[in-house]
Amino acid sequence: MTEKKSISGKYVVISGIFLAITMVLLYGASIFPVSKLTIMAVCGAVLYLLVIYGGMAPSLLMFIAALILSFILLPNKFVMLPYAFCFGPFVLLKKPLEKVCGISRQENHTGRLFIKINARTLIGWFIKLLCSAALIFAGYMAFSSAFLSNFSVPDRFPLWLIAAAASVMIIVYDYMLSLVGIIAKGRIGRLKI
């Protein structure tokens, strides 16, 4: 009985530490004029570490807490929108989608990440891309309807080109999160926290 309380207390402490790191990063993104999307991607990686270490429940609670605190504390509230609509939810959906679709990521003997390509893997990637597109579209609609009623995408950037670039970025981000996961699993397994 005592061991179960210490484990949940451990997750609360780890979640608090990851929340503090996320808030520092989000605050930095609201102050610094450059690299906002990169900082949001790092915030997503911090959330993914908690998904790996603590599971979905602490991760979801940390994500909600980060959204509430960023709405209260950040001087520039618009900075949190990519994290709220793209990077955070994608990270929360990544592991369950991989489990359902059977996507297998492993290290080979040199430590490099490889992915077993089969029909389930391709279907899983397609579902991830669809979910990501839906999240980005929902964020775009919420932002444009709430703040920019006459905002539209410039004609020089066709919508198919933006969608293709976003898909490539999502695949690269997914791969980078997988690398973070493999490195973290190796290191967290050795920690005695």
C-alpha atoms as a PDB file:
ATOM      1  CA  MET A   1       0.000   0.000   0.000  1.00  0.00           C
ATOM      2  CA  THR A   2       2.795   2.434   0.851  1.00  0.00           C
ATOM      3  CA  GLU A   3       4.663   1.509  -2.319  1.00  0.00           C
ATOM      4  CA  LYS A   4       1.665   2.450  -4.478  1.00  0.00           C
ATOM      5  CA  LYS A   5       1.483   5.905  -2.858  1.00  0.00           C
ATOM      6  CA  SER A   6       5.202   6.494  -3.373  1.00  0.00           C
ATOM      7  CA  ILE A   7       4.904   5.552  -7.046  1.00  0.00           C
ATOM      8  CA  SER A   8       2.038   7.980  -7.626  1.00  0.00           C
ATOM      9  CA  GLY A   9       3.904  10.617  -5.615  1.00  0.00           C
ATOM     10  CA  LYS A  10       6.904   9.994  -7.831  1.00  0.00           C
ATOM     11  CA  TYR A  11       4.793  10.683 -10.913  1.00  0.00           C
ATOM     12  CA  VAL A  12       3.439  13.884  -9.386  1.00  0.00           C
ATOM     13  CA  VAL A  13       6.972  15.119  -8.739  1.00  0.00           C
ATOM     14  CA  ILE A  14       8.188  14.168 -12.226  1.00  0.00           C
ATOM     15  CA  SER A  15       5.096  15.768 -13.779  1.00  0.00           C
ATOM     16  CA  GLY A  16       5.770  18.949 -11.811  1.00  0.00           C
ATOM     17  CA  ILE A  17       9.372  19.048 -12.992  1.00  0.00           C
ATOM     18  CA  PHE A  18       8.344  18.503 -16.612  1.00  0.00           C
ATOM     19  CA  LEU A  19       5.618  21.142 -16.228  1.00  0.00           C
ATOM     20  CA  ALA A  20       8.178  23.632 -14.938  1.00  0.00           C
ATOM     21  CA  ILE A  21      10.492  22.885 -17.879  1.00  0.00           C
ATOM     22  CA  THR A  22       7.586  23.280 -20.302  1.00  0.00           C
ATOM     23  CA  MET A  23       6.538  26.596 -18.754  1.00  0.00           C
ATOM     24  CA  VAL A  24      10.089  27.973 -18.935  1.00  0.00           C
ATOM     25  CA  LEU A  25      10.252  26.971 -22.596  1.00  0.00           C
ATOM     26  CA  LEU A  26       6.840  28.463 -23.381  1.00  0.00           C
ATOM     27  CA  TYR A  27       7.753  31.669 -21.587  1.00  0.00           C
ATOM     28  CA  GLY A  28      10.993  31.812 -23.559  1.00  0.00           C
ATOM     29  CA  ALA A  29       9.027  31.330 -26.773  1.00  0.00           C
ATOM     30  CA  SER A  30       6.776  34.227 -25.854  1.00  0.00           C
ATOM     31  CA  ILE A  31       9.757  36.536 -25.233  1.00  0.00           C
ATOM     32  CA  PHE A  32      12.255  35.553 -27.929  1.00  0.00           C
ATOM     33  CA  PRO A  33      11.402  36.693 -31.456  1.00  0.00           C
ATOM     34  CA  VAL A  34      12.763  33.610 -33.246  1.00  0.00           C
ATOM     35  CA  SER A  35      12.548  29.795 -33.097  1.00  0.00           C
ATOM     36  CA  LYS A  36       9.034  29.658 -31.696  1.00  0.00           C
ATOM     37  CA  LEU A  37       8.096  26.443 -33.495  1.00  0.00           C
ATOM     38  CA  THR A  38      11.369  24.821 -32.491  1.00  0.00           C
ATOM     39  CA  ILE A  39      10.691  25.633 -28.856  1.00  0.00           C
ATOM     40  CA  MET A  40       7.154  24.239 -29.222  1.00  0.00           C
ATOM     41  CA  ALA A  41       8.616  21.031 -30.665  1.00  0.00           C
ATOM     42  CA  VAL A  42      10.935  20.764 -27.654  1.00  0.00           C
ATOM     43  CA  CYS A  43       7.918  21.280 -25.364  1.00  0.00           C
ATOM     44  CA  GLY A  44       6.268  18.372 -27.173  1.00  0.00           C
ATOM     45  CA  ALA A  45       9.384  16.253 -26.614  1.00  0.00           C
ATOM     46  CA  VAL A  46       9.237  17.045 -22.883  1.00  0.00           C
ATOM     47  CA  LEU A  47       5.618  15.902 -22.878  1.00  0.00           C
ATOM     48  CA  TYR A  48       6.598  12.733 -24.759  1.00  0.00           C
ATOM     49  CA  LEU A  49       9.185  11.946 -22.079  1.00  0.00           C
ATOM     50  CA  LEU A  50       6.400  12.069 -19.525  1.00  0.00           C
ATOM     51  CA  VAL A  51       4.233   9.824 -21.733  1.00  0.00           C
ATOM     52  CA  ILE A  52       7.081   7.295 -21.759  1.00  0.00           C
ATOM     53  CA  TYR A  53       7.913   7.569 -18.081  1.00  0.00           C
ATOM     54  CA  GLY A  54       4.555   8.195 -16.434  1.00  0.00           C
ATOM     55  CA  GLY A  55       1.899   7.054 -18.877  1.00  0.00           C
ATOM     56  CA  MET A  56      -1.058   8.831 -20.401  1.00  0.00           C
ATOM     57  CA  ALA A  57      -2.886  10.067 -17.287  1.00  0.00           C
ATOM     58  CA  PRO A  58      -0.044  12.189 -15.839  1.00  0.00           C
ATOM     59  CA  SER A  59       0.813  13.392 -19.348  1.00  0.00           C
ATOM     60  CA  LEU A  60      -2.725  14.528 -20.079  1.00  0.00           C
ATOM     61  CA  LEU A  61      -2.921  16.308 -16.731  1.00  0.00           C
ATOM     62  CA  MET A  62       0.436  17.997 -17.358  1.00  0.00           C
ATOM     63  CA  PHE A  63      -0.721  19.113 -20.812  1.00  0.00           C
ATOM     64  CA  ILE A  64      -3.915  20.633 -19.390  1.00  0.00           C
ATOM     65  CA  ALA A  65      -1.962  22.288 -16.559  1.00  0.00           C
ATOM     66  CA  ALA A  66       0.524  23.729 -19.063  1.00  0.00           C
ATOM     67  CA  LEU A  67      -2.331  25.183 -21.125  1.00  0.00           C
ATOM     68  CA  ILE A  68      -3.982  26.740 -18.081  1.00  0.00           C
ATOM     69  CA  LEU A  69      -0.721  28.145 -16.701  1.00  0.00           C
ATOM     70  CA  SER A  70       0.378  29.465 -20.078  1.00  0.00           C
ATOM     71  CA  PHE A  71      -2.972  31.225 -20.485  1.00  0.00           C
ATOM     72  CA  ILE A  72      -2.488  32.843 -17.072  1.00  0.00           C
ATOM     73  CA  LEU A  73       1.257  33.558 -17.095  1.00  0.00           C
ATOM     74  CA  LEU A  74       2.415  34.151 -20.658  1.00  0.00           C
ATOM     75  CA  PRO A  75       2.568  37.735 -21.848  1.00  0.00           C
ATOM     76  CA  ASN A  76       1.905  36.637 -25.454  1.00  0.00           C
ATOM     77  CA  LYS A  77      -1.036  34.203 -25.395  1.00  0.00           C
ATOM     78  CA  PHE A  78      -0.800  33.424 -29.136  1.00  0.00           C
ATOM     79  CA  VAL A  79       2.490  31.594 -28.608  1.00  0.00           C
ATOM     80  CA  MET A  80       0.755  28.681 -26.924  1.00  0.00           C
ATOM     81  CA  LEU A  81      -1.528  27.968 -29.913  1.00  0.00           C
ATOM     82  CA  PRO A  82       0.891  25.669 -31.825  1.00  0.00           C
ATOM     83  CA  TYR A  83       1.533  23.743 -28.613  1.00  0.00           C
ATOM     84  CA  ALA A  84      -2.172  23.619 -27.765  1.00  0.00           C
ATOM     85  CA  PHE A  85      -3.403  22.510 -31.186  1.00  0.00           C
ATOM     86  CA  CYS A  86      -0.511  20.651 -32.802  1.00  0.00           C
ATOM     87  CA  PHE A  87       2.538  19.610 -30.797  1.00  0.00           C
ATOM     88  CA  GLY A  88       0.848  18.653 -27.519  1.00  0.00           C
ATOM     89  CA  PRO A  89      -2.099  16.655 -28.894  1.00  0.00           C
ATOM     90  CA  PHE A  90       0.106  14.939 -31.495  1.00  0.00           C
ATOM     91  CA  VAL A  91       2.399  13.711 -28.730  1.00  0.00           C
ATOM     92  CA  LEU A  92      -0.557  12.490 -26.682  1.00  0.00           C
ATOM     93  CA  LEU A  93      -1.944  10.607 -29.700  1.00  0.00           C
ATOM     94  CA  LYS A  94       1.398   9.205 -30.897  1.00  0.00           C
ATOM     95  CA  LYS A  95       1.852   6.279 -28.514  1.00  0.00           C
ATOM     96  CA  PRO A  96      -1.774   5.019 -28.552  1.00  0.00           C
ATOM     97  CA  LEU A  97      -1.865   5.217 -32.362  1.00  0.00           C
ATOM     98  CA  GLU A  98       1.384   3.287 -32.610  1.00  0.00           C
ATOM     99  CA  LYS A  99       0.047   0.649 -30.252  1.00  0.00           C
ATOM    100  CA  VAL A 100      -3.230   0.288 -32.166  1.00  0.00           C
ATOM    101  CA  CYS A 101      -1.566   0.283 -35.591  1.00  0.00           C
ATOM    102  CA  GLY A 102       1.302  -1.961 -34.539  1.00  0.00           C
ATOM    103  CA  ILE A 103       4.103   0.391 -35.561  1.00  0.00           C
ATOM    104  CA  SER A 104       7.372  -1.124 -34.396  1.00  0.00           C
ATOM    105  CA  ARG A 105      10.422   1.038 -33.847  1.00  0.00           C
ATOM    106  CA  GLN A 106      13.619  -0.662 -32.783  1.00  0.00           C
ATOM    107  CA  GLU A 107      17.321  -0.086 -32.565  1.00  0.00           C
ATOM    108  CA  ASN A 108      19.739  -2.170 -34.571  1.00  0.00           C
ATOM    109  CA  HIS A 109      23.129  -3.309 -33.303  1.00  0.00           C
ATOM    110  CA  THR A 110      24.712   0.085 -34.142  1.00  0.00           C
ATOM    111  CA  GLY A 111      22.118   1.980 -32.106  1.00  0.00           C
ATOM    112  CA  ARG A 112      20.385   3.460 -35.147  1.00  0.00           C
ATOM    113  CA  LEU A 113      16.628   3.625 -35.275  1.00  0.00           C
ATOM    114  CA  PHE A 114      14.887   1.559 -37.893  1.00  0.00           C
ATOM    115  CA  ILE A 115      11.226   1.033 -38.576  1.00  0.00           C
ATOM    116  CA  LYS A 116       9.716  -2.197 -39.813  1.00  0.00           C
ATOM    117  CA  ILE A 117       7.796  -1.190 -42.916  1.00  0.00           C
ATOM    118  CA  ASN A 118       4.651  -3.193 -43.550  1.00  0.00           C
ATOM    119  CA  ALA A 119       1.030  -2.438 -44.398  1.00  0.00           C
ATOM    120  CA  ARG A 120       0.103  -1.719 -40.761  1.00  0.00           C
ATOM    121  CA  THR A 121       2.980   0.746 -40.459  1.00  0.00           C
ATOM    122  CA  LEU A 122       1.888   2.612 -43.577  1.00  0.00           C
ATOM    123  CA  ILE A 123      -1.716   2.687 -42.377  1.00  0.00           C
ATOM    124  CA  GLY A 124      -0.489   3.966 -38.994  1.00  0.00           C
ATOM    125  CA  TRP A 125       1.492   6.761 -40.618  1.00  0.00           C
ATOM    126  CA  PHE A 126      -1.506   7.681 -42.741  1.00  0.00           C
ATOM    127  CA  ILE A 127      -3.729   7.816 -39.636  1.00  0.00           C
ATOM    128  CA  LYS A 128      -1.123   9.966 -37.856  1.00  0.00           C
ATOM    129  CA  LEU A 129      -1.012  12.340 -40.804  1.00  0.00           C
ATOM    130  CA  LEU A 130      -4.812  12.540 -40.869  1.00  0.00           C
ATOM    131  CA  CYS A 131      -4.958  13.231 -37.121  1.00  0.00           C
ATOM    132  CA  SER A 132      -2.242  15.860 -37.442  1.00  0.00           C
ATOM    133  CA  ALA A 133      -4.017  17.516 -40.352  1.00  0.00           C
ATOM    134  CA  ALA A 134      -7.248  17.562 -38.350  1.00  0.00           C
ATOM    135  CA  LEU A 135      -5.463  19.124 -35.366  1.00  0.00           C
ATOM    136  CA  ILE A 136      -3.785  21.767 -37.511  1.00  0.00           C
ATOM    137  CA  PHE A 137      -7.052  22.532 -39.295  1.00  0.00           C
ATOM    138  CA  ALA A 138      -8.911  22.825 -35.962  1.00  0.00           C
ATOM    139  CA  GLY A 139      -6.225  25.179 -34.654  1.00  0.00           C
ATOM    140  CA  TYR A 140      -6.346  27.242 -37.833  1.00  0.00           C
ATOM    141  CA  MET A 141     -10.130  27.490 -37.715  1.00  0.00           C
ATOM    142  CA  ALA A 142     -10.203  28.376 -34.029  1.00  0.00           C
ATOM    143  CA  PHE A 143      -7.490  30.997 -34.427  1.00  0.00           C
ATOM    144  CA  SER A 144      -8.828  32.556 -37.619  1.00  0.00           C
ATOM    145  CA  SER A 145     -12.447  32.682 -36.461  1.00  0.00           C
ATOM    146  CA  ALA A 146     -11.562  34.080 -33.051  1.00  0.00           C
ATOM    147  CA  PHE A 147      -8.927  36.617 -34.010  1.00  0.00           C
ATOM    148  CA  LEU A 148      -8.588  37.089 -37.756  1.00  0.00           C
ATOM    149  CA  SER A 149     -11.940  37.073 -39.478  1.00  0.00           C
ATOM    150  CA  ASN A 150     -10.493  38.138 -42.847  1.00  0.00           C
ATOM    151  CA  PHE A 151      -7.334  35.996 -42.737  1.00  0.00           C
ATOM    152  CA  SER A 152      -6.603  33.738 -45.702  1.00  0.00           C
ATOM    153  CA  VAL A 153      -3.620  31.830 -47.037  1.00  0.00           C
ATOM    154  CA  PRO A 154      -1.681  33.873 -49.635  1.00  0.00           C
ATOM    155  CA  ASP A 155      -2.125  32.800 -53.262  1.00  0.00           C
ATOM    156  CA  ARG A 156       1.601  32.301 -53.776  1.00  0.00           C
ATOM    157  CA  PHE A 157       1.450  29.294 -51.431  1.00  0.00           C
ATOM    158  CA  PRO A 158      -0.997  26.727 -52.792  1.00  0.00           C
ATOM    159  CA  LEU A 159      -2.803  24.710 -50.172  1.00  0.00           C
ATOM    160  CA  TRP A 160      -1.421  21.403 -51.507  1.00  0.00           C
ATOM    161  CA  LEU A 161       2.140  22.728 -51.072  1.00  0.00           C
ATOM    162  CA  ILE A 162       1.450  23.766 -47.485  1.00  0.00           C
ATOM    163  CA  ALA A 163      -0.132  20.377 -46.775  1.00  0.00           C
ATOM    164  CA  ALA A 164       2.835  18.527 -48.308  1.00  0.00           C
ATOM    165  CA  ALA A 165       5.348  20.577 -46.312  1.00  0.00           C
ATOM    166  CA  ALA A 166       3.355  20.026 -43.110  1.00  0.00           C
ATOM    167  CA  SER A 167       3.225  16.276 -43.777  1.00  0.00           C
ATOM    168  CA  VAL A 168       6.992  16.086 -44.228  1.00  0.00           C
ATOM    169  CA  MET A 169       7.515  18.100 -41.050  1.00  0.00           C
ATOM    170  CA  ILE A 170       5.153  15.807 -39.126  1.00  0.00           C
ATOM    171  CA  ILE A 171       6.996  12.691 -40.323  1.00  0.00           C
ATOM    172  CA  VAL A 172      10.357  14.213 -39.338  1.00  0.00           C
ATOM    173  CA  TYR A 173       8.945  15.288 -35.960  1.00  0.00           C
ATOM    174  CA  ASP A 174       7.529  11.808 -35.400  1.00  0.00           C
ATOM    175  CA  TYR A 175      10.900  10.249 -36.195  1.00  0.00           C
ATOM    176  CA  MET A 176      12.689  12.661 -33.835  1.00  0.00           C
ATOM    177  CA  LEU A 177      10.228  11.849 -31.046  1.00  0.00           C
ATOM    178  CA  SER A 178      10.918   8.159 -31.633  1.00  0.00           C
ATOM    179  CA  LEU A 179      14.640   8.807 -31.240  1.00  0.00           C
ATOM    180  CA  VAL A 180      13.981  10.736 -28.022  1.00  0.00           C
ATOM    181  CA  GLY A 181      11.878   7.802 -26.834  1.00  0.00           C
ATOM    182  CA  ILE A 182      14.564   5.212 -27.530  1.00  0.00           C
ATOM    183  CA  ILE A 183      17.250   7.280 -25.816  1.00  0.00           C
ATOM    184  CA  ALA A 184      14.982   8.016 -22.849  1.00  0.00           C
ATOM    185  CA  LYS A 185      13.922   4.397 -22.410  1.00  0.00           C
ATOM    186  CA  GLY A 186      17.561   3.378 -22.182  1.00  0.00           C
ATOM    187  CA  ARG A 187      18.398   6.060 -19.655  1.00  0.00           C
ATOM    188  CA  ILE A 188      15.197   6.013 -17.590  1.00  0.00           C
ATOM    189  CA  GLY A 189      15.481   2.250 -17.210  1.00  0.00           C
ATOM    190  CA  ARG A 190      18.845   2.705 -15.496  1.00  0.00           C
ATOM    191  CA  LEU A 191      17.707   5.522 -13.175  1.00  0.00           C
ATOM    192  CA  LYS A 192      16.671   4.706  -9.632  1.00  0.00           C
ATOM    193  CA  ILE A 193      14.158   7.493  -9.073  1.00  0.00           C
END
